[in-house]
């Protein structure tokens, strides 16, 4: 009985198990429904309210938009060779929000890019989409940066300005800024034409910023090229001669203009000391004086080269002829001033032709006083100024170069009682070397004004100006021409400017400069110059040279005339100009 009772099983309560399971299942279903509801609501919110924002963020993460730089137009010499051009270069750029550690990336790239790591870190910090870390890096630096494989760092193709001939024509060409816009020189004045139209590119990129494919690719349109009147070979030679002259005389600077006197086309325009933009890219911040195109932007008192203007005006007004004789005392005194000659001499009687050939200060002033004899004192001053301005002094020549200086001509009403002693001989007026070259071109070409110009063509369009109006008669121009040939004769002040086999016409100039400390003319501070043309019978070449502050003094005939001869001899051969 006991065993039977012990083995009997108690039957389960009817309905208790299924109810419990049903409750648990219901609870799970309710929980799932609640979660699904939350997720559905979130999905609805993201798909409606936040859809645009999230879509843009996704595209920003996957796409990269960039402007494609346009090649800048070249500046060409007269023969089509390139004075300056674009060449391919590489920028190192960052997508800051993709750079995982800006500090670590900066420390890695700084020695490669020769940059300050703190500056690089600042550029790569934040959530920006684009930052240029370094421009125009060397191929080696670009390769090393690529090999580091830093997320968010990439290489960008661009262009840099390059002068194939190094420093040749650098002051004419000028510089561009970091954005490749014209900063100075012809790069500045021609910027509108040289600048092309940038392209546009959209790329798909992976999470590391590496390009996968191009979505949009609009090509850039190159800028127009400009052809100059400048002969690159003669420009090079002129720069070398000027540098040799400056070193020989330990001068502050030396400048030159080589021009075609028939139409004002500039074959060379140079000054020294100079610079090489391929090396000295940050020149303007260090020494802007080296960047100056001095023949156009610097002024100086011309001295005796100016005497040809005074004498030409006197001949044109019928006051003198080349054969008119003047009795010249050793010195000329007016009020409290005494004017002498560069080289003391006794009293002599010289014709106008010899006065110019031997560069007599006294004789030139006596010729200038005849304006007062004919027109009265005030009228004489106005008439002298008329001829000075008629030859182009006191206003810009309209040279196609930015920043050209107008020079300075004292208005006749501001002349002092002794101005007649210095203005007719080129003291108390300031000119540019370009103005002086243009004035002598007027004599060389028979009396017409020319507009000096550097630019011959922009794109397919010729832009060279036409010859200007007549300044003096052909008769007067021929008379002055004959006298200028005497200057280069064996007994003239410019004999060292002679070129074997050619007839040269020209004039020496030596002018005292004002000492900035004393405010007075200083006999130790001089500008030595020579302006001439050849062959004198049919002038095809005009050269003006000025040497600033040659050590120990130095006259134009001793310092500038030999430089003229060297440049002339080379240019005649290069251009194949026969005697």
Protein backbone atom coordinates (compact mmCIF):
# COMPACT_ATOMS: atom_id res chain seq x y z
CA UNK A 1 0.00 0.00 0.00
CA UNK A 2 2.70 2.30 0.93
CA UNK A 3 4.64 1.50 -2.21
CA UNK A 4 1.62 2.02 -4.38
CA UNK A 5 0.82 5.34 -2.71
CA UNK A 6 4.42 6.46 -3.11
CA UNK A 7 4.47 5.85 -6.89
CA UNK A 8 1.20 7.62 -7.70
CA UNK A 9 1.61 11.03 -9.57
CA UNK A 10 -0.41 14.11 -8.75
CA UNK A 11 -2.12 15.38 -11.89
CA UNK A 12 -1.32 19.07 -12.91
CA UNK A 13 -3.77 21.86 -12.34
CA UNK A 14 -5.91 22.27 -15.32
CA UNK A 15 -5.04 25.49 -17.50
CA UNK A 16 -2.17 26.99 -15.39
CA UNK A 17 0.77 26.35 -17.91
CA UNK A 18 -0.75 27.69 -21.12
CA UNK A 19 -1.84 30.93 -19.44
CA UNK A 20 1.67 31.70 -18.26
CA UNK A 21 3.15 31.10 -21.68
CA UNK A 22 0.56 33.27 -23.31
CA UNK A 23 1.33 36.15 -20.98
CA UNK A 24 5.04 35.92 -21.68
CA UNK A 25 4.44 35.84 -25.41
CA UNK A 26 2.14 38.85 -25.22
CA UNK A 27 4.76 40.78 -23.27
CA UNK A 28 7.43 40.01 -25.87
CA UNK A 29 5.14 41.04 -28.73
CA UNK A 30 4.27 44.30 -27.00
CA UNK A 31 7.97 45.01 -26.44
CA UNK A 32 8.81 44.30 -30.08
CA UNK A 33 5.95 46.49 -31.27
CA UNK A 34 7.16 49.33 -29.01
CA UNK A 35 10.72 49.07 -30.30
CA UNK A 36 9.51 48.94 -33.88
CA UNK A 37 7.38 51.98 -33.26
CA UNK A 38 10.32 53.94 -31.93
CA UNK A 39 12.50 52.88 -34.83
CA UNK A 40 9.76 53.71 -37.32
CA UNK A 41 9.28 57.15 -35.83
CA UNK A 42 13.03 57.77 -35.95
CA UNK A 43 13.18 56.60 -39.55
CA UNK A 44 10.28 58.85 -40.44
CA UNK A 45 12.02 61.81 -38.76
CA UNK A 46 15.30 61.15 -40.54
CA UNK A 47 13.55 60.60 -43.85
CA UNK A 48 11.58 63.83 -43.72
CA UNK A 49 12.80 66.53 -41.35
CA UNK A 50 16.51 65.66 -41.52
CA UNK A 51 16.65 64.20 -45.05
CA UNK A 52 18.24 67.23 -46.77
CA UNK A 53 20.82 67.80 -44.07
CA UNK A 54 21.90 64.16 -43.95
CA UNK A 55 22.00 63.88 -47.73
CA UNK A 56 24.26 66.90 -47.97
CA UNK A 57 26.50 65.52 -45.23
CA UNK A 58 26.77 62.19 -47.03
CA UNK A 59 27.66 63.88 -50.29
CA UNK A 60 30.24 66.08 -48.55
CA UNK A 61 31.79 62.94 -47.15
CA UNK A 62 31.91 61.32 -50.59
CA UNK A 63 32.48 64.24 -52.99
CA UNK A 64 35.11 66.91 -53.41
CA UNK A 65 34.51 70.03 -55.53
CA UNK A 66 37.47 72.07 -56.75
CA UNK A 67 38.25 74.84 -59.19
CA UNK A 68 40.63 73.77 -61.95
CA UNK A 69 43.25 76.51 -62.49
CA UNK A 70 43.55 77.91 -66.00
CA UNK A 71 47.04 78.16 -67.55
CA UNK A 72 48.13 81.79 -67.56
CA UNK A 73 49.10 83.21 -70.95
CA UNK A 74 52.81 83.42 -71.78
CA UNK A 75 54.74 86.65 -72.38
CA UNK A 76 56.78 86.22 -75.53
CA UNK A 77 59.81 87.98 -76.98
CA UNK A 78 59.66 89.40 -80.50
CA UNK A 79 60.81 86.10 -82.03
CA UNK A 80 58.14 84.08 -80.21
CA UNK A 81 60.46 82.65 -77.57
CA UNK A 82 59.08 82.69 -74.04
CA UNK A 83 60.19 85.25 -71.48
CA UNK A 84 57.74 83.84 -68.93
CA UNK A 85 55.32 80.93 -69.01
CA UNK A 86 53.36 78.52 -66.82
CA UNK A 87 54.71 75.11 -65.95
CA UNK A 88 53.00 72.26 -64.04
CA UNK A 89 53.34 72.37 -60.27
CA UNK A 90 51.82 70.65 -57.23
CA UNK A 91 50.09 72.01 -54.16
CA UNK A 92 49.74 70.00 -50.96
CA UNK A 93 46.14 70.34 -49.72
CA UNK A 94 44.13 69.04 -46.81
CA UNK A 95 40.51 68.09 -46.18
CA UNK A 96 40.57 68.99 -42.47
CA UNK A 97 37.54 66.93 -41.33
CA UNK A 98 39.22 63.82 -42.75
CA UNK A 99 42.53 64.38 -40.94
CA UNK A 100 42.37 62.13 -37.84
CA UNK A 101 45.13 63.88 -35.88
CA UNK A 102 46.09 67.39 -37.04
CA UNK A 103 49.01 67.66 -34.63
CA UNK A 104 50.57 64.36 -35.71
CA UNK A 105 50.01 65.17 -39.40
CA UNK A 106 51.61 68.60 -38.96
CA UNK A 107 54.67 67.14 -37.27
CA UNK A 108 55.03 64.64 -40.12
CA UNK A 109 54.64 67.17 -42.97
CA UNK A 110 56.53 70.15 -41.50
CA UNK A 111 60.07 68.94 -42.34
CA UNK A 112 58.97 67.83 -45.81
CA UNK A 113 57.34 71.17 -46.64
CA UNK A 114 59.84 73.31 -44.69
CA UNK A 115 56.92 74.82 -42.82
CA UNK A 116 56.04 75.72 -39.26
CA UNK A 117 54.21 72.73 -37.70
CA UNK A 118 51.98 75.05 -35.67
CA UNK A 119 50.78 76.80 -38.82
CA UNK A 120 50.13 73.48 -40.53
CA UNK A 121 48.22 72.21 -37.51
CA UNK A 122 46.01 75.32 -37.51
CA UNK A 123 45.26 74.83 -41.21
CA UNK A 124 44.27 71.20 -40.68
CA UNK A 125 42.21 71.77 -37.54
CA UNK A 126 38.44 72.09 -37.59
CA UNK A 127 35.84 70.64 -39.89
CA UNK A 128 36.60 72.60 -43.07
CA UNK A 129 36.60 70.93 -46.46
CA UNK A 130 39.69 72.48 -48.09
CA UNK A 131 43.00 74.07 -47.05
CA UNK A 132 46.21 74.67 -48.99
CA UNK A 133 49.21 73.60 -46.91
CA UNK A 134 51.97 74.40 -49.43
CA UNK A 135 52.06 75.79 -52.97
CA UNK A 136 54.33 74.82 -55.84
CA UNK A 137 56.27 72.20 -53.90
CA UNK A 138 59.24 70.41 -55.41
CA UNK A 139 58.73 66.98 -57.00
CA UNK A 140 60.70 65.38 -54.17
CA UNK A 141 58.54 67.02 -51.48
CA UNK A 142 55.38 66.00 -53.32
CA UNK A 143 56.60 62.41 -53.53
CA UNK A 144 57.51 62.28 -49.83
CA UNK A 145 54.16 63.75 -48.80
CA UNK A 146 52.29 61.19 -50.91
CA UNK A 147 54.30 58.31 -49.43
CA UNK A 148 53.23 59.27 -45.90
CA UNK A 149 49.66 58.31 -46.92
CA UNK A 150 48.05 60.57 -44.32
CA UNK A 151 44.24 60.46 -44.44
CA UNK A 152 42.81 63.79 -45.63
CA UNK A 153 46.05 64.93 -47.28
CA UNK A 154 46.21 65.00 -51.07
CA UNK A 155 48.15 66.51 -53.98
CA UNK A 156 46.57 69.08 -56.28
CA UNK A 157 47.82 69.83 -59.78
CA UNK A 158 48.37 73.53 -60.51
CA UNK A 159 50.80 75.84 -62.34
CA UNK A 160 53.65 78.10 -61.37
CA UNK A 161 55.24 81.02 -63.20
CA UNK A 162 58.65 80.31 -64.69
CA UNK A 163 61.19 82.38 -66.65
CA UNK A 164 63.05 80.04 -69.05
CA UNK A 165 65.89 82.58 -69.37
CA UNK A 166 66.19 83.18 -65.65
CA UNK A 167 66.59 86.83 -64.80
CA UNK A 168 66.42 88.09 -68.41
CA UNK A 169 63.58 90.60 -68.65
CA UNK A 170 62.50 89.98 -65.06
CA UNK A 171 61.83 93.65 -64.25
CA UNK A 172 59.78 94.02 -67.42
CA UNK A 173 57.76 90.85 -66.86
CA UNK A 174 57.14 91.47 -63.15
CA UNK A 175 55.65 89.09 -60.59
CA UNK A 176 52.41 87.28 -59.76
CA UNK A 177 50.91 86.76 -56.31
CA UNK A 178 49.98 83.49 -54.55
CA UNK A 179 46.64 83.47 -56.34
CA UNK A 180 48.47 83.78 -59.70
CA UNK A 181 47.20 87.29 -60.33
CA UNK A 182 49.45 89.98 -61.78
CA UNK A 183 51.33 91.80 -59.03
CA UNK A 184 53.78 94.05 -60.89
CA UNK A 185 55.23 94.81 -64.31
CA UNK A 186 53.56 93.47 -67.45
CA UNK A 187 52.07 90.63 -65.41
CA UNK A 188 49.99 93.36 -63.75
CA UNK A 189 49.10 95.54 -66.74
CA UNK A 190 48.27 92.52 -68.92
CA UNK A 191 46.53 90.58 -66.16
CA UNK A 192 43.09 90.78 -67.77
CA UNK A 193 44.40 89.18 -70.96
CA UNK A 194 46.83 86.68 -69.42
CA UNK A 195 44.29 85.30 -66.95
CA UNK A 196 42.25 82.43 -68.34
CA UNK A 197 38.89 81.00 -67.23
CA UNK A 198 39.11 78.39 -64.49
CA UNK A 199 37.49 74.98 -64.91
CA UNK A 200 35.44 73.03 -62.38
CA UNK A 201 35.78 69.46 -61.12
CA UNK A 202 33.74 67.29 -58.78
CA UNK A 203 35.32 64.01 -57.64
CA UNK A 204 34.03 61.04 -55.68
CA UNK A 205 36.48 60.13 -52.92
CA UNK A 206 36.95 57.30 -50.48
CA UNK A 207 36.96 57.85 -46.69
CA UNK A 208 40.69 58.57 -46.84
CA UNK A 209 40.16 61.41 -49.33
CA UNK A 210 41.58 59.53 -52.31
CA UNK A 211 39.92 60.19 -55.71
CA UNK A 212 37.72 57.39 -57.05
CA UNK A 213 36.07 58.94 -60.12
CA UNK A 214 35.23 62.33 -61.62
CA UNK A 215 31.57 63.29 -61.55
CA UNK A 216 31.93 66.73 -63.22
CA UNK A 217 34.94 67.83 -65.26
CA UNK A 218 34.76 71.22 -67.00
CA UNK A 219 38.05 72.10 -68.68
CA UNK A 220 39.84 75.39 -67.99
CA UNK A 221 40.35 77.92 -70.80
CA UNK A 222 43.96 79.20 -71.05
CA UNK A 223 44.70 82.94 -70.99
CA UNK A 224 45.93 84.84 -74.03
CA UNK A 225 49.64 85.22 -74.70
CA UNK A 226 51.26 88.61 -75.35
CA UNK A 227 54.12 89.19 -77.77
CA UNK A 228 56.56 92.01 -76.99
CA UNK A 229 58.82 94.08 -79.20
CA UNK A 230 61.75 92.97 -77.01
CA UNK A 231 64.56 90.94 -78.54
CA UNK A 232 65.46 88.42 -75.80
CA UNK A 233 69.07 88.05 -76.96
CA UNK A 234 69.70 91.81 -77.03
CA UNK A 235 67.90 92.15 -73.69
CA UNK A 236 70.26 89.57 -72.20
CA UNK A 237 73.34 91.28 -73.62
CA UNK A 238 72.17 94.70 -72.44
CA UNK A 239 71.68 93.43 -68.90
CA UNK A 240 75.15 91.89 -68.90
CA UNK A 241 76.80 95.08 -70.17
CA UNK A 242 75.02 97.14 -67.53
CA UNK A 243 76.10 94.77 -64.76
CA UNK A 244 79.71 94.89 -65.95
CA UNK A 245 79.54 98.70 -66.09
CA UNK A 246 78.04 98.96 -62.63
CA UNK A 247 80.70 96.71 -61.16
CA UNK A 248 83.55 98.45 -63.00
CA UNK A 249 82.58 101.86 -61.64
CA UNK A 250 81.08 100.64 -58.35
CA UNK A 251 77.87 102.47 -59.28
CA UNK A 252 74.56 102.38 -57.45
CA UNK A 253 72.70 101.27 -60.59
CA UNK A 254 72.84 101.29 -64.38
CA UNK A 255 69.94 101.46 -66.85
CA UNK A 256 69.45 101.32 -70.60
CA UNK A 257 66.80 101.54 -73.31
CA UNK A 258 67.32 100.14 -76.81
CA UNK A 259 64.69 101.49 -79.20
CA UNK A 260 63.76 101.56 -82.86
CA UNK A 261 63.61 105.32 -83.49
CA UNK A 262 61.24 105.07 -86.43
CA UNK A 263 58.27 103.92 -84.33
CA UNK A 264 59.30 103.73 -80.65
CA UNK A 265 59.40 99.91 -80.46
CA UNK A 266 61.55 98.96 -77.46
CA UNK A 267 64.08 96.26 -78.31
CA UNK A 268 65.51 96.10 -74.78
CA UNK A 269 64.83 97.85 -71.48
CA UNK A 270 67.04 96.91 -68.58
CA UNK A 271 68.39 97.95 -65.22
CA UNK A 272 70.81 96.50 -62.74
CA UNK A 273 71.10 95.27 -60.03
CA UNK A 274 68.36 92.79 -60.88
CA UNK A 275 66.91 89.54 -59.60
CA UNK A 276 65.85 86.06 -60.69
CA UNK A 277 62.14 85.45 -59.97
CA UNK A 278 62.68 81.69 -60.29
CA UNK A 279 64.68 81.90 -57.07
CA UNK A 280 63.57 85.09 -55.31
CA UNK A 281 59.83 84.53 -55.26
CA UNK A 282 59.26 86.68 -52.17
CA UNK A 283 61.28 89.55 -53.53
CA UNK A 284 58.81 92.36 -52.97
CA UNK A 285 58.83 91.87 -49.24
CA UNK A 286 62.61 91.85 -49.06
CA UNK A 287 64.02 94.40 -51.52
CA UNK A 288 61.49 96.12 -53.79
CA UNK A 289 64.24 98.26 -55.34
CA UNK A 290 65.51 95.24 -57.28
CA UNK A 291 62.10 94.72 -58.85
CA UNK A 292 61.93 98.25 -60.35
CA UNK A 293 61.98 98.76 -64.10
CA UNK A 294 64.06 101.90 -63.60
CA UNK A 295 64.05 103.29 -67.16
CA UNK A 296 60.30 103.77 -66.84
CA UNK A 297 59.65 104.47 -63.16
CA UNK A 298 62.77 106.28 -61.90
CA UNK A 299 63.61 109.89 -62.71
CA UNK A 300 66.92 111.77 -62.76
CA UNK A 301 68.29 115.14 -63.79
CA UNK A 302 69.65 114.54 -67.29
CA UNK A 303 72.37 117.14 -67.54
CA UNK A 304 73.94 117.79 -70.92
CA UNK A 305 71.87 115.32 -72.96
CA UNK A 306 69.10 117.88 -72.43
CA UNK A 307 71.03 120.58 -74.31
CA UNK A 308 69.90 119.15 -77.65
CA UNK A 309 66.30 120.05 -76.71
CA UNK A 310 67.20 123.66 -75.91
CA UNK A 311 69.20 124.06 -79.12
CA UNK A 312 66.56 122.35 -81.28
CA UNK A 313 63.92 124.78 -79.97
CA UNK A 314 66.18 127.76 -80.64
CA UNK A 315 66.81 126.61 -84.23
CA UNK A 316 63.10 125.93 -84.82
CA UNK A 317 62.23 129.44 -83.58
CA UNK A 318 64.86 130.96 -85.86
CA UNK A 319 67.03 132.26 -83.03
CA UNK A 320 70.24 130.50 -84.14
CA UNK A 321 71.71 128.31 -86.83
CA UNK A 322 74.41 125.67 -86.40
CA UNK A 323 76.91 128.21 -87.77
CA UNK A 324 75.90 131.07 -85.43
CA UNK A 325 78.99 132.10 -83.47
CA UNK A 326 78.97 133.02 -79.77
CA UNK A 327 81.75 134.63 -77.80
CA UNK A 328 82.00 132.50 -74.69
CA UNK A 329 83.59 133.81 -71.49
CA UNK A 330 85.19 131.25 -69.14
CA UNK A 331 82.23 131.62 -66.76
CA UNK A 332 78.84 133.29 -66.73
CA UNK A 333 77.63 135.22 -63.67
CA UNK A 334 74.02 136.05 -62.88
CA UNK A 335 73.03 137.59 -59.56
CA UNK A 336 74.82 135.56 -56.90
CA UNK A 337 75.48 132.51 -59.08
CA UNK A 338 78.36 131.70 -61.36
CA UNK A 339 78.16 129.05 -64.07
CA UNK A 340 81.30 127.42 -65.40
CA UNK A 341 82.24 124.55 -67.68
CA UNK A 342 82.85 120.94 -66.73
CA UNK A 343 86.42 121.46 -67.93
CA UNK A 344 87.78 124.99 -67.37
CA UNK A 345 88.79 126.87 -70.53
CA UNK A 346 89.74 130.39 -71.60
CA UNK A 347 87.45 132.73 -73.50
CA UNK A 348 86.64 131.30 -76.94
CA UNK A 349 84.40 131.92 -79.93
CA UNK A 350 82.44 128.83 -80.93
CA UNK A 351 79.57 128.22 -83.33
CA UNK A 352 76.43 126.52 -82.07
CA UNK A 353 77.58 123.23 -83.57
CA UNK A 354 80.74 123.28 -81.48
CA UNK A 355 78.88 124.43 -78.39
CA UNK A 356 76.85 121.22 -78.57
CA UNK A 357 79.77 119.02 -79.64
CA UNK A 358 81.89 120.20 -76.70
CA UNK A 359 78.92 120.41 -74.35
CA UNK A 360 79.42 124.02 -73.29
CA UNK A 361 77.23 125.06 -70.37
CA UNK A 362 77.95 128.74 -70.92
CA UNK A 363 77.24 128.54 -74.64
CA UNK A 364 73.93 126.70 -74.15
CA UNK A 365 72.72 129.29 -71.61
CA UNK A 366 73.66 132.15 -73.96
CA UNK A 367 71.57 130.44 -76.68
CA UNK A 368 68.67 130.03 -74.20
CA UNK A 369 68.83 133.74 -73.30
CA UNK A 370 67.91 134.56 -76.89
CA UNK A 371 64.40 133.33 -76.15
CA UNK A 372 64.11 136.17 -73.64
CA UNK A 373 65.60 138.62 -76.13
CA UNK A 374 62.84 137.77 -78.63
CA UNK A 375 59.82 137.08 -76.41
CA UNK A 376 60.65 139.05 -73.27
CA UNK A 377 61.81 137.54 -69.99
CA UNK A 378 58.51 135.87 -69.05
CA UNK A 379 57.71 134.98 -72.65
CA UNK A 380 61.18 133.51 -73.08
CA UNK A 381 60.68 131.21 -70.09
CA UNK A 382 57.31 130.09 -71.45
CA UNK A 383 58.86 129.42 -74.86
CA UNK A 384 61.66 127.29 -73.41
CA UNK A 385 59.07 125.32 -71.45
CA UNK A 386 57.02 124.97 -74.62
CA UNK A 387 59.88 123.12 -76.32
CA UNK A 388 60.65 121.04 -73.24
CA UNK A 389 57.05 119.87 -73.07
CA UNK A 390 56.82 119.54 -76.87
CA UNK A 391 59.61 116.96 -76.72
CA UNK A 392 57.55 114.99 -74.20
CA UNK A 393 59.06 115.98 -70.86
CA UNK A 394 56.84 116.59 -67.85
CA UNK A 395 54.22 114.02 -68.90
CA UNK A 396 54.12 110.26 -69.35
CA UNK A 397 55.07 108.85 -72.71
CA UNK A 398 52.08 106.45 -72.37
CA UNK A 399 54.48 103.53 -72.36
CA UNK A 400 52.48 100.32 -71.95
CA UNK A 401 54.08 99.62 -68.58
CA UNK A 402 52.45 100.30 -65.18
CA UNK A 403 53.73 103.03 -62.90
CA UNK A 404 55.53 105.10 -65.53
CA UNK A 405 56.77 108.37 -64.01
CA UNK A 406 55.90 111.70 -65.69
CA UNK A 407 59.09 113.44 -64.60
CA UNK A 408 59.09 117.04 -63.43
CA UNK A 409 59.23 120.29 -65.38
CA UNK A 410 59.10 123.50 -63.35
CA UNK A 411 56.27 125.78 -64.59
CA UNK A 412 57.67 128.96 -66.12
CA UNK A 413 55.94 131.16 -63.49
CA UNK A 414 57.88 129.29 -60.78
CA UNK A 415 61.32 129.94 -62.31
CA UNK A 416 63.68 131.93 -60.13
CA UNK A 417 65.97 134.62 -61.49
CA UNK A 418 68.76 132.08 -61.90
CA UNK A 419 66.72 129.18 -63.33
CA UNK A 420 67.98 130.16 -66.80
CA UNK A 421 71.43 128.99 -65.64
CA UNK A 422 70.38 125.41 -64.97
CA UNK A 423 67.14 124.37 -66.72
CA UNK A 424 68.44 124.76 -70.32
CA UNK A 425 71.41 122.52 -69.45
CA UNK A 426 69.33 119.76 -67.83
CA UNK A 427 69.53 120.63 -64.15
CA UNK A 428 66.38 121.44 -62.19
CA UNK A 429 64.27 119.15 -64.39
CA UNK A 430 63.73 115.44 -63.92
CA UNK A 431 63.15 112.90 -66.67
CA UNK A 432 62.95 109.17 -67.21
CA UNK A 433 65.39 107.40 -69.48
CA UNK A 434 62.42 106.36 -71.62
CA UNK A 435 61.48 110.03 -72.13
CA UNK A 436 65.05 110.86 -73.09
CA UNK A 437 65.16 108.02 -75.62
CA UNK A 438 61.86 109.17 -77.13
CA UNK A 439 63.11 112.76 -77.43
CA UNK A 440 66.22 111.66 -79.34
CA UNK A 441 64.06 109.39 -81.51
CA UNK A 442 62.26 112.56 -82.61
CA UNK A 443 65.57 113.97 -83.86
CA UNK A 444 66.65 110.68 -85.40
CA UNK A 445 63.46 110.10 -87.42
CA UNK A 446 63.24 113.58 -88.90
CA UNK A 447 61.08 115.36 -86.31
CA UNK A 448 58.15 113.07 -85.41
CA UNK A 449 57.12 112.07 -81.90
CA UNK A 450 57.07 108.35 -81.23
CA UNK A 451 55.26 106.51 -78.48
CA UNK A 452 57.62 104.07 -76.78
CA UNK A 453 55.97 100.68 -76.50
CA UNK A 454 56.77 97.15 -75.36
CA UNK A 455 53.68 95.23 -76.49
CA UNK A 456 53.28 94.25 -80.13
CA UNK A 457 50.40 91.80 -80.00
CA UNK A 458 47.87 90.39 -77.54
CA UNK A 459 46.44 87.10 -78.67
CA UNK A 460 45.81 87.55 -82.39
CA UNK A 461 45.46 91.35 -82.23
CA UNK A 462 48.22 93.82 -83.09
CA UNK A 463 48.32 96.71 -80.60
CA UNK A 464 51.45 98.68 -81.55
CA UNK A 465 50.70 102.45 -81.75
CA UNK A 466 51.14 104.58 -84.87
CA UNK A 467 53.75 107.32 -85.22
CA UNK A 468 52.81 110.54 -83.45
CA UNK A 469 52.62 114.16 -84.64
CA UNK A 470 55.50 116.29 -85.90
CA UNK A 471 57.45 118.03 -83.14
CA UNK A 472 60.09 119.91 -85.15
CA UNK A 473 60.67 120.38 -88.85
CA UNK A 474 62.79 117.96 -90.81
CA UNK A 475 65.18 120.87 -91.42
CA UNK A 476 65.70 121.43 -87.69
CA UNK A 477 66.02 117.69 -87.04
CA UNK A 478 68.70 117.42 -89.75
CA UNK A 479 70.57 120.40 -88.29
CA UNK A 480 70.64 118.92 -84.79
CA UNK A 481 71.54 115.51 -86.21
CA UNK A 482 74.60 116.99 -87.88
CA UNK A 483 75.74 118.54 -84.61
CA UNK A 484 75.18 115.30 -82.68
CA UNK A 485 77.50 113.51 -85.08
CA UNK A 486 80.18 115.94 -84.05
CA UNK A 487 79.77 114.85 -80.42
CA UNK A 488 81.04 111.37 -81.35
CA UNK A 489 83.89 112.72 -83.47
CA UNK A 490 87.44 112.05 -82.23
CA UNK A 491 87.57 115.46 -80.51
CA UNK A 492 83.98 115.34 -79.18
CA UNK A 493 82.87 114.47 -75.65
CA UNK A 494 81.35 111.19 -76.84
CA UNK A 495 84.23 109.79 -78.88
CA UNK A 496 84.19 106.50 -76.89
CA UNK A 497 80.69 105.82 -78.23
CA UNK A 498 81.99 105.41 -81.77
CA UNK A 499 81.33 102.09 -83.50
CA UNK A 500 83.81 101.09 -86.19
CA UNK A 501 82.32 101.30 -89.66
CA UNK A 502 79.19 103.22 -88.56
CA UNK A 503 78.34 106.90 -88.21
CA UNK A 504 77.03 107.59 -84.72
CA UNK A 505 75.09 110.64 -83.55
CA UNK A 506 74.60 111.21 -79.84
CA UNK A 507 75.18 113.28 -76.74
CA UNK A 508 76.91 112.81 -73.42
CA UNK A 509 75.39 113.89 -70.14
CA UNK A 510 76.79 114.42 -66.67
CA UNK A 511 74.50 115.80 -63.98
CA UNK A 512 75.08 116.56 -60.33
CA UNK A 513 72.65 115.01 -57.86
CA UNK A 514 71.21 116.60 -54.77
CA UNK A 515 72.68 115.21 -51.58
CA UNK A 516 69.67 114.14 -49.47
CA UNK A 517 71.52 115.05 -46.27
CA UNK A 518 72.45 118.61 -47.25
CA UNK A 519 69.72 119.40 -49.77
CA UNK A 520 72.36 120.82 -52.13
CA UNK A 521 73.97 119.63 -55.34
CA UNK A 522 76.97 117.46 -54.57
CA UNK A 523 79.84 117.27 -57.07
CA UNK A 524 80.66 113.76 -55.82
CA UNK A 525 77.18 112.44 -56.70
CA UNK A 526 76.69 112.20 -60.44
CA UNK A 527 74.52 110.58 -63.08
CA UNK A 528 76.57 109.80 -66.20
CA UNK A 529 74.62 109.19 -69.41
CA UNK A 530 74.82 108.87 -73.17
CA UNK A 531 72.03 108.83 -75.75
CA UNK A 532 72.75 108.09 -79.40
CA UNK A 533 71.59 106.46 -82.61
CA UNK A 534 73.05 104.78 -85.67
CA UNK A 535 73.62 104.50 -88.56
CA UNK A 536 73.17 108.26 -88.44
CA UNK A 537 72.31 108.44 -92.17
CA UNK A 538 69.29 106.10 -91.72
CA UNK A 539 68.81 105.45 -88.00
CA UNK A 540 67.61 101.97 -87.12
CA UNK A 541 68.88 101.70 -83.56
CA UNK A 542 68.74 104.16 -80.64
CA UNK A 543 70.36 103.45 -77.28
CA UNK A 544 70.17 105.44 -74.04
CA UNK A 545 72.41 104.53 -71.09
CA UNK A 546 72.53 106.05 -67.60
CA UNK A 547 74.90 105.13 -64.75
CA UNK A 548 73.91 106.34 -61.29
CA UNK A 549 76.61 107.45 -58.85
CA UNK A 550 79.76 105.97 -60.38
CA UNK A 551 82.43 105.90 -57.67
CA UNK A 552 84.80 108.85 -57.75
CA UNK A 553 82.59 110.74 -60.21
CA UNK A 554 82.77 110.02 -63.89
CA UNK A 555 81.52 111.82 -66.98
CA UNK A 556 79.00 110.44 -69.42
CA UNK A 557 81.61 110.22 -72.15
CA UNK A 558 83.87 108.09 -69.93
CA UNK A 559 81.34 105.86 -68.16
CA UNK A 560 78.15 105.56 -70.25
CA UNK A 561 79.54 105.97 -73.79
CA UNK A 562 81.60 102.72 -73.69
CA UNK A 563 78.48 100.81 -72.55
CA UNK A 564 76.60 102.34 -75.49
CA UNK A 565 79.30 101.16 -77.87
CA UNK A 566 79.22 97.60 -76.52
CA UNK A 567 75.42 97.32 -76.70
CA UNK A 568 75.36 98.95 -80.15
CA UNK A 569 78.01 96.71 -81.66
CA UNK A 570 76.28 93.54 -80.45
CA UNK A 571 72.80 94.73 -81.50
CA UNK A 572 73.94 95.75 -84.98
CA UNK A 573 75.26 92.25 -85.58
CA UNK A 574 72.20 90.56 -84.07
CA UNK A 575 69.78 92.63 -86.16
CA UNK A 576 72.03 92.50 -89.23
CA UNK A 577 72.04 96.26 -89.69
CA UNK A 578 74.55 97.28 -92.34
CA UNK A 579 76.68 100.46 -92.09
